[in-house]
Structure formats: C-alpha cells, structure tokens
Amino acid sequence: MKDQIVEALKKIKPMLQADGGDVELVSIEESGIVKVRLQGACAGCPMSQMTLKNGIEKILKQEVPGVTSVESV
C-alpha cells in the first residue's frame, strides 16, 4: 500500500509545486488513514483543507484501495 501511495503522491506533487507548495507522506495507519504534511505555500494557505480533502484524498482513494481518509499533521 505504501508504494501505491507514494506513486499517487508523485502525480499530485507537480500541481502543488506549481503553486509553491508540496506534500510529504508522514504515516499510514492500519485503518487506512494516511497522514501527510503540507509544506511551503500549502502549509499556511486558507484553502489547504479543500486541497487536502477534494484533491489529495480524492486521488488517493481512487488510486489506492484501502485508503479511508487523508489527514494533515
């Protein structure tokens, strides 16, 4: 599962980096919760929760079976 998540995040990163941000995988829980750290411009952006849920979480759920949620730490 970790390899699939890393590959999916590689697809997401260019979009975030284009706006001066980035995402880092922190951990994956047994329950399917993926914890990430938003970096750069994404860390302080008021739209970061929307990016997290409507962008990162949506793509990870589509591409990686077993992902139930994505949380920012």
C-alpha atoms as a PDB file:
ATOM      1  CA  MET A   1       0.000   0.000   0.000  1.00  0.00           C
ATOM      2  CA  LYS A   2       2.821   2.420   0.849  1.00  0.00           C
ATOM      3  CA  ASP A   3       4.373   2.128  -2.621  1.00  0.00           C
ATOM      4  CA  GLN A   4       0.996   2.857  -4.245  1.00  0.00           C
ATOM      5  CA  ILE A   5       0.503   5.926  -2.038  1.00  0.00           C
ATOM      6  CA  VAL A   6       3.990   7.224  -2.821  1.00  0.00           C
ATOM      7  CA  GLU A   7       3.336   6.801  -6.565  1.00  0.00           C
ATOM      8  CA  ALA A   8      -0.031   8.578  -6.323  1.00  0.00           C
ATOM      9  CA  LEU A   9       1.559  11.452  -4.379  1.00  0.00           C
ATOM     10  CA  LYS A  10       4.178  11.794  -7.138  1.00  0.00           C
ATOM     11  CA  LYS A  11       1.295  12.561  -9.521  1.00  0.00           C
ATOM     12  CA  ILE A  12      -0.135  15.185  -7.150  1.00  0.00           C
ATOM     13  CA  LYS A  13       3.129  16.947  -6.251  1.00  0.00           C
ATOM     14  CA  PRO A  14       3.618  18.860  -9.557  1.00  0.00           C
ATOM     15  CA  MET A  15       0.245  20.583  -9.121  1.00  0.00           C
ATOM     16  CA  LEU A  16       1.129  21.653  -5.574  1.00  0.00           C
ATOM     17  CA  GLN A  17       4.673  22.651  -6.515  1.00  0.00           C
ATOM     18  CA  ALA A  18       3.354  24.871  -9.307  1.00  0.00           C
ATOM     19  CA  ASP A  19       1.712  26.983  -6.587  1.00  0.00           C
ATOM     20  CA  GLY A  20       4.769  26.958  -4.314  1.00  0.00           C
ATOM     21  CA  GLY A  21       3.647  24.099  -2.074  1.00  0.00           C
ATOM     22  CA  ASP A  22       4.337  20.412  -1.549  1.00  0.00           C
ATOM     23  CA  VAL A  23       3.128  17.351   0.352  1.00  0.00           C
ATOM     24  CA  GLU A  24       5.091  14.842   2.432  1.00  0.00           C
ATOM     25  CA  LEU A  25       3.892  11.384   3.493  1.00  0.00           C
ATOM     26  CA  VAL A  26       4.145  11.077   7.279  1.00  0.00           C
ATOM     27  CA  SER A  27       2.458   7.769   8.092  1.00  0.00           C
ATOM     28  CA  ILE A  28      -0.129   5.192   7.095  1.00  0.00           C
ATOM     29  CA  GLU A  29      -2.358   3.701   9.775  1.00  0.00           C
ATOM     30  CA  GLU A  30      -3.790   0.176   9.743  1.00  0.00           C
ATOM     31  CA  SER A  31      -7.285   1.650   9.409  1.00  0.00           C
ATOM     32  CA  GLY A  32      -6.371   3.216   6.051  1.00  0.00           C
ATOM     33  CA  ILE A  33      -5.836   6.751   7.322  1.00  0.00           C
ATOM     34  CA  VAL A  34      -2.970   8.450   5.508  1.00  0.00           C
ATOM     35  CA  LYS A  35      -1.232  11.266   7.357  1.00  0.00           C
ATOM     36  CA  VAL A  36       0.549  13.913   5.296  1.00  0.00           C
ATOM     37  CA  ARG A  37       2.304  17.202   5.958  1.00  0.00           C
ATOM     38  CA  LEU A  38       1.543  20.119   3.675  1.00  0.00           C
ATOM     39  CA  GLN A  39       4.621  22.238   3.036  1.00  0.00           C
ATOM     40  CA  GLY A  40       5.578  25.568   1.519  1.00  0.00           C
ATOM     41  CA  ALA A  41       2.717  27.761   0.396  1.00  0.00           C
ATOM     42  CA  CYS A  42       0.241  24.953   1.167  1.00  0.00           C
ATOM     43  CA  ALA A  43       1.110  24.973   4.878  1.00  0.00           C
ATOM     44  CA  GLY A  44      -0.380  28.399   5.525  1.00  0.00           C
ATOM     45  CA  CYS A  45      -2.966  28.524   2.770  1.00  0.00           C
ATOM     46  CA  PRO A  46      -6.577  29.084   3.848  1.00  0.00           C
ATOM     47  CA  MET A  47      -7.647  26.655   1.104  1.00  0.00           C
ATOM     48  CA  SER A  48      -5.400  23.843   2.370  1.00  0.00           C
ATOM     49  CA  GLN A  49      -8.281  21.778   3.802  1.00  0.00           C
ATOM     50  CA  MET A  50     -10.045  21.898   0.452  1.00  0.00           C
ATOM     51  CA  THR A  51      -6.825  20.847  -1.287  1.00  0.00           C
ATOM     52  CA  LEU A  52      -6.404  18.043   1.237  1.00  0.00           C
ATOM     53  CA  LYS A  53      -9.923  16.618   1.021  1.00  0.00           C
ATOM     54  CA  ASN A  54     -11.040  17.452  -2.541  1.00  0.00           C
ATOM     55  CA  GLY A  55      -7.645  16.921  -4.138  1.00  0.00           C
ATOM     56  CA  ILE A  56      -5.213  14.676  -2.301  1.00  0.00           C
ATOM     57  CA  GLU A  57      -7.762  12.457  -0.511  1.00  0.00           C
ATOM     58  CA  LYS A  58      -9.933  12.047  -3.609  1.00  0.00           C
ATOM     59  CA  ILE A  59      -6.997  10.948  -5.778  1.00  0.00           C
ATOM     60  CA  LEU A  60      -5.556   8.609  -3.145  1.00  0.00           C
ATOM     61  CA  LYS A  61      -8.946   6.935  -2.600  1.00  0.00           C
ATOM     62  CA  GLN A  62      -9.328   6.432  -6.363  1.00  0.00           C
ATOM     63  CA  GLU A  63      -5.852   5.034  -6.914  1.00  0.00           C
ATOM     64  CA  VAL A  64      -5.122   3.095  -3.716  1.00  0.00           C
ATOM     65  CA  PRO A  65      -7.590   0.515  -2.387  1.00  0.00           C
ATOM     66  CA  GLY A  66      -7.846   0.668   1.375  1.00  0.00           C
ATOM     67  CA  VAL A  67      -7.316   4.404   1.844  1.00  0.00           C
ATOM     68  CA  THR A  68     -10.181   5.646   4.002  1.00  0.00           C
ATOM     69  CA  SER A  69      -9.101   9.196   4.806  1.00  0.00           C
ATOM     70  CA  VAL A  70      -6.251  11.675   4.477  1.00  0.00           C
ATOM     71  CA  GLU A  71      -5.321  13.922   7.397  1.00  0.00           C
ATOM     72  CA  SER A  72      -2.840  16.759   7.735  1.00  0.00           C
ATOM     73  CA  VAL A  73      -0.393  16.731  10.647  1.00  0.00           C
END
